[in-house]
Amino acid sequence: MNNRYDTLRNRSASYAATTVMDGAARQVLRNTYLLLSLCLGFSAIVAAAALALNLPGPGIIITLAGYFGLLFLVTKYRDRGLGVGLVFALTGFMGYSKYLSMPNGGLTVMMALAGTAVIFLGMSAYALVTKRDLSFMGGMLTVGVLVAFVAGLAAMFFSIPALSLTVSAVFVLLMSGMILFETNNIVRGGETNYVMATVSLFVSIFSLFTSLLQLLGFVNKE
């Protein structure tokens, strides 16, 4: 009798823990999407202001130093209120450093935005409904991003358009996978800090958008 009671009690405790975890995951997801939407809007405003004022680009050195420096600060203060402000600083800086002006720019940007939205919604929807644990994708995606990043730097410094185009196409696939992986990680309770979850998703969405922009810009130029 006691064994049966203990079993039922353990099951109840397990169910309660699962319920709490699911509720916490929903809260993280809700906060992440709210902060993400605000950051996307803020980044777009900064990019539009930089374009309207015709501000010079910061250059590759300042861009990398600013990005990794702000990312370090966000990680350090992710559990404090300052972390949210630093997220806006990071996303605003990315908007400023990556704004582009090109022939047929309006149409190209709209197509890139539409493609980004479709991919983000599709990957997020699948991550929300699937019962699979996609954590196995993390290592492969990380290695892929590092290799593509190095290849992108090589294409930039050695002026190899074909390699740059290939890297952009690879980044579209990698960032789509990252959105799927990161959203699934939030849903399953692997990521419990909405500040870091927001940064991860923002970087993936932003990289996806700029990669699509480069691909579509090349197509329109041709």
N, C-alpha and C. Protein backbone atom coordinates (compact mmCIF):
# COMPACT_ATOMS: atom_id res chain seq x y z
N MET A 1 0.83 -1.20 0.00
CA MET A 1 0.00 0.00 0.00
C MET A 1 0.87 1.25 0.00
N ASN A 2 1.89 1.22 0.87
CA ASN A 2 2.79 2.36 0.94
C ASN A 2 3.54 2.56 -0.36
N ASN A 3 3.94 1.43 -0.98
CA ASN A 3 4.65 1.52 -2.25
C ASN A 3 3.77 2.14 -3.33
N ARG A 4 2.48 1.74 -3.31
CA ARG A 4 1.56 2.29 -4.29
C ARG A 4 1.36 3.79 -4.06
N TYR A 5 1.26 4.17 -2.78
CA TYR A 5 1.10 5.59 -2.46
C TYR A 5 2.32 6.39 -2.88
N ASP A 6 3.51 5.83 -2.64
CA ASP A 6 4.74 6.51 -3.03
C ASP A 6 4.81 6.67 -4.54
N THR A 7 4.38 5.62 -5.26
CA THR A 7 4.40 5.70 -6.72
C THR A 7 3.49 6.80 -7.23
N LEU A 8 2.26 6.84 -6.67
CA LEU A 8 1.31 7.88 -7.08
C LEU A 8 1.83 9.27 -6.74
N ARG A 9 2.46 9.39 -5.57
CA ARG A 9 2.99 10.69 -5.15
C ARG A 9 4.13 11.12 -6.07
N ASN A 10 4.99 10.18 -6.45
CA ASN A 10 6.10 10.51 -7.34
C ASN A 10 5.59 10.92 -8.71
N ARG A 11 4.54 10.23 -9.18
CA ARG A 11 3.96 10.59 -10.47
C ARG A 11 3.35 11.99 -10.43
N SER A 12 2.67 12.29 -9.30
CA SER A 12 2.06 13.61 -9.15
C SER A 12 3.13 14.69 -9.11
N ALA A 13 4.22 14.41 -8.39
CA ALA A 13 5.31 15.39 -8.31
C ALA A 13 5.94 15.60 -9.67
N SER A 14 6.11 14.47 -10.40
CA SER A 14 6.70 14.57 -11.74
C SER A 14 5.81 15.37 -12.66
N TYR A 15 4.48 15.12 -12.58
CA TYR A 15 3.53 15.86 -13.41
C TYR A 15 3.54 17.34 -13.07
N ALA A 16 3.60 17.64 -11.76
CA ALA A 16 3.62 19.04 -11.34
C ALA A 16 4.87 19.73 -11.83
N ALA A 17 6.02 19.03 -11.73
CA ALA A 17 7.28 19.62 -12.19
C ALA A 17 7.23 19.90 -13.68
N THR A 18 6.64 18.93 -14.44
CA THR A 18 6.53 19.11 -15.88
C THR A 18 5.64 20.30 -16.21
N THR A 19 4.52 20.43 -15.44
CA THR A 19 3.61 21.54 -15.68
C THR A 19 4.29 22.86 -15.43
N VAL A 20 5.06 22.94 -14.31
CA VAL A 20 5.77 24.17 -14.00
C VAL A 20 6.78 24.50 -15.09
N MET A 21 7.51 23.48 -15.55
CA MET A 21 8.51 23.69 -16.58
C MET A 21 7.85 24.18 -17.87
N ASP A 22 6.72 23.59 -18.24
CA ASP A 22 6.01 24.01 -19.44
C ASP A 22 5.53 25.45 -19.30
N GLY A 23 5.03 25.79 -18.11
CA GLY A 23 4.59 27.16 -17.88
C GLY A 23 5.75 28.14 -17.96
N ALA A 24 6.89 27.74 -17.41
CA ALA A 24 8.08 28.59 -17.46
C ALA A 24 8.55 28.76 -18.90
N ALA A 25 8.48 27.66 -19.67
CA ALA A 25 8.89 27.73 -21.07
C ALA A 25 7.98 28.67 -21.86
N ARG A 26 6.69 28.60 -21.58
CA ARG A 26 5.75 29.51 -22.26
C ARG A 26 6.04 30.96 -21.90
N GLN A 27 6.39 31.21 -20.63
CA GLN A 27 6.71 32.56 -20.20
C GLN A 27 7.96 33.07 -20.89
N VAL A 28 8.99 32.22 -20.97
CA VAL A 28 10.23 32.61 -21.66
C VAL A 28 9.95 32.89 -23.12
N LEU A 29 9.14 32.03 -23.75
CA LEU A 29 8.81 32.21 -25.17
C LEU A 29 8.04 33.51 -25.39
N ARG A 30 7.08 33.80 -24.51
CA ARG A 30 6.30 35.02 -24.64
C ARG A 30 7.18 36.26 -24.47
N ASN A 31 8.02 36.26 -23.44
CA ASN A 31 8.92 37.40 -23.21
C ASN A 31 9.92 37.56 -24.36
N THR A 32 10.39 36.42 -24.87
CA THR A 32 11.36 36.46 -25.97
C THR A 32 10.74 37.09 -27.21
N TYR A 33 9.54 36.66 -27.57
CA TYR A 33 8.89 37.19 -28.77
C TYR A 33 8.55 38.66 -28.62
N LEU A 34 8.18 39.08 -27.41
CA LEU A 34 7.88 40.49 -27.18
C LEU A 34 9.14 41.34 -27.34
N LEU A 35 10.22 40.94 -26.67
CA LEU A 35 11.47 41.68 -26.76
C LEU A 35 12.03 41.62 -28.18
N LEU A 36 11.88 40.48 -28.83
CA LEU A 36 12.37 40.33 -30.20
C LEU A 36 11.66 41.29 -31.15
N SER A 37 10.35 41.40 -31.02
CA SER A 37 9.60 42.31 -31.90
C SER A 37 10.02 43.76 -31.67
N LEU A 38 10.25 44.14 -30.41
CA LEU A 38 10.70 45.50 -30.11
C LEU A 38 12.09 45.75 -30.68
N CYS A 39 12.97 44.76 -30.57
CA CYS A 39 14.34 44.91 -31.07
C CYS A 39 14.37 44.99 -32.59
N LEU A 40 13.53 44.20 -33.25
CA LEU A 40 13.47 44.26 -34.71
C LEU A 40 13.00 45.64 -35.17
N GLY A 41 11.99 46.18 -34.49
CA GLY A 41 11.52 47.51 -34.83
C GLY A 41 12.58 48.57 -34.57
N PHE A 42 13.27 48.47 -33.44
CA PHE A 42 14.32 49.44 -33.11
C PHE A 42 15.47 49.37 -34.10
N SER A 43 15.87 48.16 -34.47
CA SER A 43 16.95 47.99 -35.44
C SER A 43 16.57 48.59 -36.79
N ALA A 44 15.31 48.40 -37.19
CA ALA A 44 14.85 48.96 -38.47
C ALA A 44 14.86 50.48 -38.43
N ILE A 45 14.47 51.06 -37.29
CA ILE A 45 14.47 52.52 -37.16
C ILE A 45 15.89 53.07 -37.24
N VAL A 46 16.82 52.41 -36.56
CA VAL A 46 18.22 52.84 -36.60
C VAL A 46 18.77 52.74 -38.02
N ALA A 47 18.46 51.64 -38.71
CA ALA A 47 18.93 51.47 -40.09
C ALA A 47 18.35 52.54 -41.00
N ALA A 48 17.05 52.84 -40.83
CA ALA A 48 16.41 53.87 -41.66
C ALA A 48 17.02 55.24 -41.39
N ALA A 49 17.30 55.53 -40.11
CA ALA A 49 17.91 56.81 -39.76
C ALA A 49 19.31 56.93 -40.34
N ALA A 50 20.09 55.84 -40.27
CA ALA A 50 21.44 55.85 -40.83
C ALA A 50 21.40 56.07 -42.34
N LEU A 51 20.42 55.47 -42.99
CA LEU A 51 20.28 55.63 -44.44
C LEU A 51 19.83 57.04 -44.79
N ALA A 52 18.88 57.59 -44.02
CA ALA A 52 18.38 58.93 -44.29
C ALA A 52 19.45 59.99 -44.06
N LEU A 53 20.28 59.79 -43.05
CA LEU A 53 21.35 60.74 -42.73
C LEU A 53 22.62 60.48 -43.53
N ASN A 54 22.59 59.39 -44.33
CA ASN A 54 23.74 59.03 -45.15
C ASN A 54 25.01 58.88 -44.31
N LEU A 55 24.87 58.19 -43.18
CA LEU A 55 26.01 57.99 -42.29
C LEU A 55 26.98 56.98 -42.90
N PRO A 56 28.27 57.17 -42.68
CA PRO A 56 29.25 56.21 -43.22
C PRO A 56 29.19 54.90 -42.46
N GLY A 57 29.50 53.82 -43.15
CA GLY A 57 29.55 52.52 -42.49
C GLY A 57 30.71 52.44 -41.51
N PRO A 58 30.60 51.64 -40.45
CA PRO A 58 31.65 51.59 -39.43
C PRO A 58 32.89 50.81 -39.86
N GLY A 59 32.81 50.03 -40.93
CA GLY A 59 33.96 49.23 -41.34
C GLY A 59 33.98 47.89 -40.63
N ILE A 60 34.71 46.94 -41.19
CA ILE A 60 34.69 45.58 -40.69
C ILE A 60 35.28 45.46 -39.29
N ILE A 61 36.35 46.21 -38.98
CA ILE A 61 36.99 46.09 -37.67
C ILE A 61 36.07 46.60 -36.57
N ILE A 62 35.51 47.79 -36.76
CA ILE A 62 34.60 48.36 -35.75
C ILE A 62 33.34 47.51 -35.63
N THR A 63 32.86 47.00 -36.76
CA THR A 63 31.66 46.16 -36.73
C THR A 63 31.88 44.91 -35.89
N LEU A 64 32.99 44.21 -36.12
CA LEU A 64 33.28 43.00 -35.36
C LEU A 64 33.53 43.31 -33.88
N ALA A 65 34.30 44.39 -33.63
CA ALA A 65 34.59 44.76 -32.24
C ALA A 65 33.32 45.17 -31.51
N GLY A 66 32.48 45.95 -32.17
CA GLY A 66 31.23 46.39 -31.56
C GLY A 66 30.28 45.23 -31.30
N TYR A 67 30.17 44.33 -32.28
CA TYR A 67 29.25 43.20 -32.14
C TYR A 67 29.68 42.28 -31.00
N PHE A 68 30.94 41.83 -31.04
CA PHE A 68 31.39 40.88 -30.02
C PHE A 68 31.51 41.54 -28.65
N GLY A 69 31.86 42.84 -28.62
CA GLY A 69 31.93 43.54 -27.35
C GLY A 69 30.56 43.66 -26.70
N LEU A 70 29.56 44.07 -27.48
CA LEU A 70 28.20 44.18 -26.94
C LEU A 70 27.62 42.82 -26.60
N LEU A 71 27.95 41.81 -27.41
CA LEU A 71 27.47 40.46 -27.11
C LEU A 71 28.05 39.96 -25.79
N PHE A 72 29.31 40.27 -25.53
CA PHE A 72 29.93 39.90 -24.26
C PHE A 72 29.22 40.58 -23.09
N LEU A 73 28.90 41.87 -23.25
CA LEU A 73 28.23 42.60 -22.17
C LEU A 73 26.82 42.08 -21.94
N VAL A 74 26.11 41.75 -23.03
CA VAL A 74 24.77 41.18 -22.88
C VAL A 74 24.83 39.87 -22.10
N THR A 75 25.80 39.03 -22.44
CA THR A 75 25.95 37.75 -21.75
C THR A 75 26.28 37.96 -20.27
N LYS A 76 27.12 38.94 -19.99
CA LYS A 76 27.54 39.21 -18.61
C LYS A 76 26.38 39.72 -17.76
N TYR A 77 25.53 40.58 -18.34
CA TYR A 77 24.45 41.20 -17.57
C TYR A 77 23.08 40.65 -17.94
N ARG A 78 23.02 39.43 -18.44
CA ARG A 78 21.76 38.87 -18.93
C ARG A 78 20.71 38.69 -17.83
N ASP A 79 21.14 38.59 -16.57
CA ASP A 79 20.20 38.39 -15.48
C ASP A 79 19.83 39.69 -14.77
N ARG A 80 20.24 40.83 -15.33
CA ARG A 80 19.93 42.13 -14.73
C ARG A 80 19.13 42.98 -15.72
N GLY A 81 18.54 44.04 -15.19
CA GLY A 81 17.77 44.93 -16.05
C GLY A 81 18.64 45.57 -17.12
N LEU A 82 19.91 45.79 -16.80
CA LEU A 82 20.83 46.38 -17.77
C LEU A 82 20.95 45.51 -19.02
N GLY A 83 20.74 44.21 -18.86
CA GLY A 83 20.85 43.30 -19.99
C GLY A 83 19.88 43.64 -21.10
N VAL A 84 18.66 44.06 -20.74
CA VAL A 84 17.66 44.41 -21.75
C VAL A 84 18.11 45.64 -22.53
N GLY A 85 18.64 46.64 -21.82
CA GLY A 85 19.15 47.84 -22.49
C GLY A 85 20.30 47.51 -23.43
N LEU A 86 21.16 46.59 -23.01
CA LEU A 86 22.29 46.19 -23.85
C LEU A 86 21.82 45.42 -25.09
N VAL A 87 20.71 44.70 -24.96
CA VAL A 87 20.14 44.02 -26.13
C VAL A 87 19.73 45.05 -27.18
N PHE A 88 19.10 46.13 -26.74
CA PHE A 88 18.72 47.19 -27.68
C PHE A 88 19.96 47.85 -28.29
N ALA A 89 21.01 48.03 -27.47
CA ALA A 89 22.25 48.60 -27.99
C ALA A 89 22.85 47.70 -29.06
N LEU A 90 22.85 46.40 -28.81
CA LEU A 90 23.41 45.44 -29.76
C LEU A 90 22.60 45.42 -31.05
N THR A 91 21.28 45.30 -30.94
CA THR A 91 20.45 45.21 -32.14
C THR A 91 20.43 46.53 -32.92
N GLY A 92 20.48 47.65 -32.20
CA GLY A 92 20.57 48.93 -32.88
C GLY A 92 21.88 49.09 -33.63
N PHE A 93 22.97 48.65 -33.00
CA PHE A 93 24.27 48.71 -33.65
C PHE A 93 24.30 47.83 -34.90
N MET A 94 23.68 46.65 -34.81
CA MET A 94 23.62 45.77 -35.98
C MET A 94 22.81 46.41 -37.10
N GLY A 95 21.73 47.09 -36.75
CA GLY A 95 20.94 47.78 -37.75
C GLY A 95 21.74 48.87 -38.44
N TYR A 96 22.53 49.61 -37.67
CA TYR A 96 23.36 50.67 -38.24
C TYR A 96 24.48 50.11 -39.10
N SER A 97 25.12 49.06 -38.63
CA SER A 97 26.31 48.55 -39.32
C SER A 97 25.98 47.77 -40.58
N LYS A 98 24.70 47.35 -40.74
CA LYS A 98 24.36 46.49 -41.87
C LYS A 98 23.38 47.11 -42.86
N TYR A 99 23.01 48.38 -42.67
CA TYR A 99 22.05 48.95 -43.61
C TYR A 99 22.69 49.01 -45.00
N LEU A 100 21.88 48.77 -46.03
CA LEU A 100 22.40 48.67 -47.39
C LEU A 100 21.64 49.59 -48.33
N SER A 101 22.34 50.10 -49.32
CA SER A 101 21.73 50.89 -50.38
C SER A 101 22.18 50.29 -51.70
N MET A 102 21.22 49.91 -52.54
CA MET A 102 21.56 49.25 -53.79
C MET A 102 20.51 49.57 -54.84
N PRO A 103 20.82 49.35 -56.14
CA PRO A 103 19.81 49.55 -57.17
C PRO A 103 18.60 48.66 -56.91
N ASN A 104 17.41 49.19 -57.18
CA ASN A 104 16.17 48.47 -56.91
C ASN A 104 16.09 48.05 -55.44
N GLY A 105 16.67 48.90 -54.57
CA GLY A 105 16.78 48.54 -53.16
C GLY A 105 15.44 48.29 -52.50
N GLY A 106 14.43 49.11 -52.81
CA GLY A 106 13.14 48.96 -52.17
C GLY A 106 12.53 47.60 -52.44
N LEU A 107 12.51 47.18 -53.71
CA LEU A 107 11.96 45.89 -54.07
C LEU A 107 12.77 44.75 -53.46
N THR A 108 14.09 44.90 -53.50
CA THR A 108 14.97 43.86 -52.97
C THR A 108 14.76 43.67 -51.47
N VAL A 109 14.68 44.79 -50.75
CA VAL A 109 14.47 44.73 -49.30
C VAL A 109 13.12 44.10 -48.98
N MET A 110 12.08 44.47 -49.72
CA MET A 110 10.76 43.91 -49.47
C MET A 110 10.75 42.40 -49.71
N MET A 111 11.41 41.96 -50.77
CA MET A 111 11.47 40.52 -51.06
C MET A 111 12.26 39.79 -49.97
N ALA A 112 13.36 40.40 -49.51
CA ALA A 112 14.15 39.78 -48.45
C ALA A 112 13.37 39.72 -47.14
N LEU A 113 12.63 40.79 -46.84
CA LEU A 113 11.79 40.80 -45.64
C LEU A 113 10.71 39.72 -45.71
N ALA A 114 10.08 39.60 -46.88
CA ALA A 114 9.03 38.59 -47.04
C ALA A 114 9.61 37.19 -46.88
N GLY A 115 10.76 36.95 -47.50
CA GLY A 115 11.40 35.64 -47.38
C GLY A 115 11.79 35.32 -45.95
N THR A 116 12.32 36.32 -45.25
CA THR A 116 12.70 36.14 -43.85
C THR A 116 11.49 35.81 -42.99
N ALA A 117 10.39 36.54 -43.22
CA ALA A 117 9.17 36.32 -42.45
C ALA A 117 8.61 34.92 -42.67
N VAL A 118 8.59 34.48 -43.93
CA VAL A 118 8.06 33.15 -44.25
C VAL A 118 8.90 32.06 -43.59
N ILE A 119 10.22 32.19 -43.70
CA ILE A 119 11.11 31.18 -43.11
C ILE A 119 10.99 31.18 -41.59
N PHE A 120 10.98 32.37 -40.98
CA PHE A 120 10.88 32.45 -39.52
C PHE A 120 9.58 31.84 -39.01
N LEU A 121 8.47 32.20 -39.65
CA LEU A 121 7.18 31.67 -39.22
C LEU A 121 7.10 30.16 -39.43
N GLY A 122 7.63 29.69 -40.56
CA GLY A 122 7.60 28.26 -40.84
C GLY A 122 8.44 27.46 -39.86
N MET A 123 9.67 27.91 -39.60
CA MET A 123 10.55 27.21 -38.67
C MET A 123 10.01 27.27 -37.25
N SER A 124 9.48 28.43 -36.86
CA SER A 124 8.94 28.58 -35.50
C SER A 124 7.71 27.70 -35.31
N ALA A 125 6.84 27.66 -36.32
CA ALA A 125 5.63 26.85 -36.22
C ALA A 125 5.99 25.37 -36.06
N TYR A 126 6.96 24.92 -36.84
CA TYR A 126 7.36 23.51 -36.73
C TYR A 126 7.97 23.22 -35.36
N ALA A 127 8.80 24.15 -34.87
CA ALA A 127 9.44 23.96 -33.56
C ALA A 127 8.41 23.92 -32.44
N LEU A 128 7.31 24.66 -32.60
CA LEU A 128 6.29 24.71 -31.56
C LEU A 128 5.43 23.45 -31.52
N VAL A 129 5.25 22.79 -32.66
CA VAL A 129 4.34 21.65 -32.71
C VAL A 129 5.05 20.30 -32.68
N THR A 130 6.33 20.27 -33.06
CA THR A 130 7.01 18.98 -33.11
C THR A 130 7.28 18.45 -31.70
N LYS A 131 7.26 17.15 -31.56
CA LYS A 131 7.57 16.50 -30.29
C LYS A 131 9.01 16.02 -30.25
N ARG A 132 9.75 16.28 -31.31
CA ARG A 132 11.14 15.82 -31.38
C ARG A 132 12.06 16.76 -30.62
N ASP A 133 13.08 16.19 -30.03
CA ASP A 133 14.14 16.97 -29.39
C ASP A 133 15.20 17.26 -30.45
N LEU A 134 15.36 18.54 -30.80
CA LEU A 134 16.27 18.92 -31.88
C LEU A 134 17.62 19.40 -31.36
N SER A 135 17.94 19.06 -30.12
CA SER A 135 19.20 19.53 -29.54
C SER A 135 20.41 18.97 -30.28
N PHE A 136 20.24 17.85 -30.98
CA PHE A 136 21.36 17.26 -31.72
C PHE A 136 21.85 18.18 -32.83
N MET A 137 21.02 19.15 -33.24
CA MET A 137 21.40 20.05 -34.33
C MET A 137 22.42 21.10 -33.89
N GLY A 138 22.52 21.35 -32.58
CA GLY A 138 23.33 22.44 -32.07
C GLY A 138 24.78 22.39 -32.51
N GLY A 139 25.43 21.25 -32.31
CA GLY A 139 26.84 21.12 -32.66
C GLY A 139 27.10 21.29 -34.14
N MET A 140 26.27 20.65 -34.97
CA MET A 140 26.45 20.74 -36.42
C MET A 140 26.26 22.18 -36.91
N LEU A 141 25.25 22.85 -36.39
CA LEU A 141 24.99 24.23 -36.81
C LEU A 141 26.12 25.16 -36.39
N THR A 142 26.64 24.96 -35.18
CA THR A 142 27.74 25.80 -34.70
C THR A 142 28.97 25.66 -35.58
N VAL A 143 29.33 24.43 -35.89
CA VAL A 143 30.48 24.19 -36.78
C VAL A 143 30.23 24.80 -38.15
N GLY A 144 29.02 24.62 -38.67
CA GLY A 144 28.69 25.18 -39.97
C GLY A 144 28.79 26.69 -40.00
N VAL A 145 28.31 27.35 -38.94
CA VAL A 145 28.38 28.81 -38.87
C VAL A 145 29.83 29.29 -38.82
N LEU A 146 30.66 28.61 -38.03
CA LEU A 146 32.07 29.00 -37.92
C LEU A 146 32.78 28.87 -39.26
N VAL A 147 32.54 27.76 -39.95
CA VAL A 147 33.18 27.55 -41.25
C VAL A 147 32.69 28.59 -42.26
N ALA A 148 31.38 28.84 -42.28
CA ALA A 148 30.83 29.82 -43.21
C ALA A 148 31.32 31.23 -42.89
N PHE A 149 31.48 31.53 -41.60
CA PHE A 149 31.97 32.86 -41.20
C PHE A 149 33.39 33.08 -41.70
N VAL A 150 34.25 32.08 -41.52
CA VAL A 150 35.63 32.19 -41.99
C VAL A 150 35.66 32.31 -43.52
N ALA A 151 34.83 31.53 -44.19
CA ALA A 151 34.76 31.60 -45.65
C ALA A 151 34.27 32.98 -46.10
N GLY A 152 33.33 33.55 -45.35
CA GLY A 152 32.84 34.89 -45.68
C GLY A 152 33.91 35.95 -45.55
N LEU A 153 34.73 35.84 -44.49
CA LEU A 153 35.84 36.78 -44.32
C LEU A 153 36.84 36.64 -45.47
N ALA A 154 37.11 35.40 -45.87
CA ALA A 154 38.04 35.16 -46.98
C ALA A 154 37.50 35.77 -48.27
N ALA A 155 36.20 35.59 -48.50
CA ALA A 155 35.58 36.16 -49.71
C ALA A 155 35.65 37.68 -49.70
N MET A 156 35.54 38.28 -48.50
CA MET A 156 35.58 39.74 -48.39
C MET A 156 36.99 40.28 -48.63
N PHE A 157 37.97 39.67 -47.97
CA PHE A 157 39.34 40.18 -48.05
C PHE A 157 39.99 39.91 -49.41
N PHE A 158 39.62 38.78 -50.04
CA PHE A 158 40.22 38.43 -51.32
C PHE A 158 39.32 38.75 -52.51
N SER A 159 38.18 39.39 -52.22
CA SER A 159 37.25 39.83 -53.27
C SER A 159 36.89 38.69 -54.23
N ILE A 160 36.23 37.67 -53.69
CA ILE A 160 35.81 36.52 -54.50
C ILE A 160 34.28 36.50 -54.52
N PRO A 161 33.65 37.10 -55.52
CA PRO A 161 32.18 37.20 -55.55
C PRO A 161 31.48 35.85 -55.50
N ALA A 162 32.01 34.86 -56.21
CA ALA A 162 31.37 33.54 -56.24
C ALA A 162 31.34 32.91 -54.85
N LEU A 163 32.45 33.05 -54.12
CA LEU A 163 32.51 32.50 -52.76
C LEU A 163 31.55 33.26 -51.84
N SER A 164 31.49 34.57 -52.01
CA SER A 164 30.58 35.38 -51.19
C SER A 164 29.14 34.98 -51.42
N LEU A 165 28.78 34.73 -52.67
CA LEU A 165 27.42 34.31 -53.01
C LEU A 165 27.12 32.94 -52.41
N THR A 166 28.09 32.04 -52.48
CA THR A 166 27.92 30.70 -51.91
C THR A 166 27.74 30.76 -50.40
N VAL A 167 28.53 31.61 -49.74
CA VAL A 167 28.43 31.77 -48.28
C VAL A 167 27.05 32.30 -47.90
N SER A 168 26.53 33.25 -48.68
CA SER A 168 25.20 33.79 -48.40
C SER A 168 24.14 32.70 -48.49
N ALA A 169 24.24 31.85 -49.52
CA ALA A 169 23.28 30.76 -49.68
C ALA A 169 23.38 29.77 -48.52
N VAL A 170 24.61 29.46 -48.10
CA VAL A 170 24.81 28.54 -46.98
C VAL A 170 24.26 29.14 -45.69
N PHE A 171 24.45 30.45 -45.51
CA PHE A 171 23.96 31.11 -44.30
C PHE A 171 22.43 31.09 -44.24
N VAL A 172 21.77 31.17 -45.38
CA VAL A 172 20.31 31.07 -45.38
C VAL A 172 19.87 29.74 -44.79
N LEU A 173 20.53 28.67 -45.20
CA LEU A 173 20.21 27.33 -44.68
C LEU A 173 20.57 27.21 -43.20
N LEU A 174 21.76 27.71 -42.84
CA LEU A 174 22.20 27.60 -41.45
C LEU A 174 21.32 28.40 -40.50
N MET A 175 20.96 29.62 -40.89
CA MET A 175 20.13 30.45 -40.02
C MET A 175 18.70 29.92 -39.91
N SER A 176 18.21 29.30 -40.97
CA SER A 176 16.91 28.64 -40.88
C SER A 176 16.97 27.52 -39.85
N GLY A 177 18.05 26.74 -39.90
CA GLY A 177 18.24 25.68 -38.91
C GLY A 177 18.41 26.23 -37.50
N MET A 178 19.10 27.36 -37.35
CA MET A 178 19.30 27.96 -36.04
C MET A 178 17.98 28.43 -35.43
N ILE A 179 17.11 29.02 -36.25
CA ILE A 179 15.80 29.45 -35.76
C ILE A 179 15.00 28.25 -35.25
N LEU A 180 15.04 27.17 -36.01
CA LEU A 180 14.35 25.94 -35.61
C LEU A 180 14.93 25.40 -34.31
N PHE A 181 16.24 25.33 -34.24
CA PHE A 181 16.92 24.79 -33.05
C PHE A 181 16.67 25.65 -31.82
N GLU A 182 16.81 26.97 -31.97
CA GLU A 182 16.68 27.87 -30.82
C GLU A 182 15.25 27.91 -30.28
N THR A 183 14.27 27.93 -31.19
CA THR A 183 12.88 27.93 -30.74
C THR A 183 12.53 26.63 -30.04
N ASN A 184 12.98 25.51 -30.59
CA ASN A 184 12.76 24.21 -29.97
C ASN A 184 13.43 24.14 -28.60
N ASN A 185 14.59 24.76 -28.48
CA ASN A 185 15.31 24.78 -27.21
C ASN A 185 14.54 25.55 -26.15
N ILE A 186 13.88 26.65 -26.55
CA ILE A 186 13.06 27.41 -25.61
C ILE A 186 11.84 26.59 -25.19
N VAL A 187 11.18 25.99 -26.16
CA VAL A 187 9.95 25.23 -25.90
C VAL A 187 10.22 24.08 -24.94
N ARG A 188 11.36 23.42 -25.09
CA ARG A 188 11.68 22.26 -24.27
C ARG A 188 12.35 22.64 -22.95
N GLY A 189 12.47 23.94 -22.68
CA GLY A 189 13.02 24.38 -21.40
C GLY A 189 14.53 24.41 -21.34
N GLY A 190 15.20 24.26 -22.49
CA GLY A 190 16.65 24.29 -22.49
C GLY A 190 17.21 25.69 -22.30
N GLU A 191 16.49 26.70 -22.79
CA GLU A 191 16.89 28.09 -22.61
C GLU A 191 15.87 28.76 -21.70
N THR A 192 16.32 29.23 -20.55
CA THR A 192 15.41 29.82 -19.57
C THR A 192 15.59 31.32 -19.41
N ASN A 193 16.54 31.91 -20.13
CA ASN A 193 16.78 33.35 -20.03
C ASN A 193 16.29 34.01 -21.31
N TYR A 194 15.24 34.83 -21.20
CA TYR A 194 14.64 35.40 -22.41
C TYR A 194 15.54 36.44 -23.07
N VAL A 195 16.45 37.04 -22.32
CA VAL A 195 17.39 38.00 -22.91
C VAL A 195 18.32 37.29 -23.90
N MET A 196 18.91 36.18 -23.46
CA MET A 196 19.80 35.44 -24.34
C MET A 196 19.03 34.78 -25.48
N ALA A 197 17.80 34.34 -25.20
CA ALA A 197 16.98 33.75 -26.25
C ALA A 197 16.66 34.78 -27.32
N THR A 198 16.39 36.02 -26.89
CA THR A 198 16.10 37.09 -27.84
C THR A 198 17.31 37.39 -28.71
N VAL A 199 18.48 37.49 -28.08
CA VAL A 199 19.70 37.78 -28.84
C VAL A 199 19.97 36.69 -29.87
N SER A 200 19.83 35.44 -29.45
CA SER A 200 20.10 34.32 -30.36
C SER A 200 19.16 34.35 -31.56
N LEU A 201 17.87 34.55 -31.31
CA LEU A 201 16.91 34.59 -32.41
C LEU A 201 17.11 35.83 -33.28
N PHE A 202 17.41 36.96 -32.65
CA PHE A 202 17.61 38.19 -33.43
C PHE A 202 18.80 38.04 -34.38
N VAL A 203 19.90 37.52 -33.87
CA VAL A 203 21.09 37.33 -34.71
C VAL A 203 20.79 36.39 -35.87
N SER A 204 20.04 35.33 -35.59
CA SER A 204 19.68 34.38 -36.65
C SER A 204 18.79 35.03 -37.70
N ILE A 205 17.77 35.77 -37.25
CA ILE A 205 16.85 36.44 -38.17
C ILE A 205 17.59 37.51 -38.98
N PHE A 206 18.43 38.27 -38.30
CA PHE A 206 19.17 39.35 -38.97
C PHE A 206 20.13 38.79 -40.01
N SER A 207 20.84 37.72 -39.65
CA SER A 207 21.77 37.08 -40.59
C SER A 207 21.02 36.48 -41.77
N LEU A 208 19.86 35.89 -41.50
CA LEU A 208 19.03 35.34 -42.57
C LEU A 208 18.59 36.45 -43.52
N PHE A 209 18.15 37.57 -42.97
CA PHE A 209 17.69 38.69 -43.79
C PHE A 209 18.82 39.26 -44.66
N THR A 210 19.99 39.50 -44.06
CA THR A 210 21.09 40.07 -44.82
C THR A 210 21.60 39.10 -45.89
N SER A 211 21.56 37.80 -45.60
CA SER A 211 21.99 36.81 -46.60
C SER A 211 21.02 36.79 -47.77
N LEU A 212 19.72 36.81 -47.48
CA LEU A 212 18.73 36.88 -48.55
C LEU A 212 18.87 38.17 -49.34
N LEU A 213 19.18 39.25 -48.63
CA LEU A 213 19.35 40.55 -49.29
C LEU A 213 20.51 40.50 -50.28
N GLN A 214 21.60 39.88 -49.88
CA GLN A 214 22.75 39.77 -50.77
C GLN A 214 22.45 38.88 -51.98
N LEU A 215 21.75 37.78 -51.75
CA LEU A 215 21.39 36.89 -52.85
C LEU A 215 20.44 37.57 -53.84
N LEU A 216 19.41 38.22 -53.31
CA LEU A 216 18.44 38.90 -54.17
C LEU A 216 19.06 40.11 -54.85
N GLY A 217 19.97 40.79 -54.16
CA GLY A 217 20.67 41.92 -54.77
C GLY A 217 21.50 41.47 -55.96
N PHE A 218 22.14 40.31 -55.83
CA PHE A 218 22.94 39.77 -56.93
C PHE A 218 22.04 39.39 -58.11
N VAL A 219 20.90 38.78 -57.81
CA VAL A 219 19.97 38.38 -58.87
C VAL A 219 19.42 39.60 -59.60
N ASN A 220 19.01 40.62 -58.85
CA ASN A 220 18.47 41.84 -59.47
C ASN A 220 19.53 42.58 -60.27
N LYS A 221 20.78 42.51 -59.80
CA LYS A 221 21.86 43.19 -60.52
C LYS A 221 22.12 42.51 -61.85
N GLU A 222 21.95 41.17 -61.85
CA GLU A 222 22.13 40.43 -63.09
C GLU A 222 20.98 40.69 -64.05
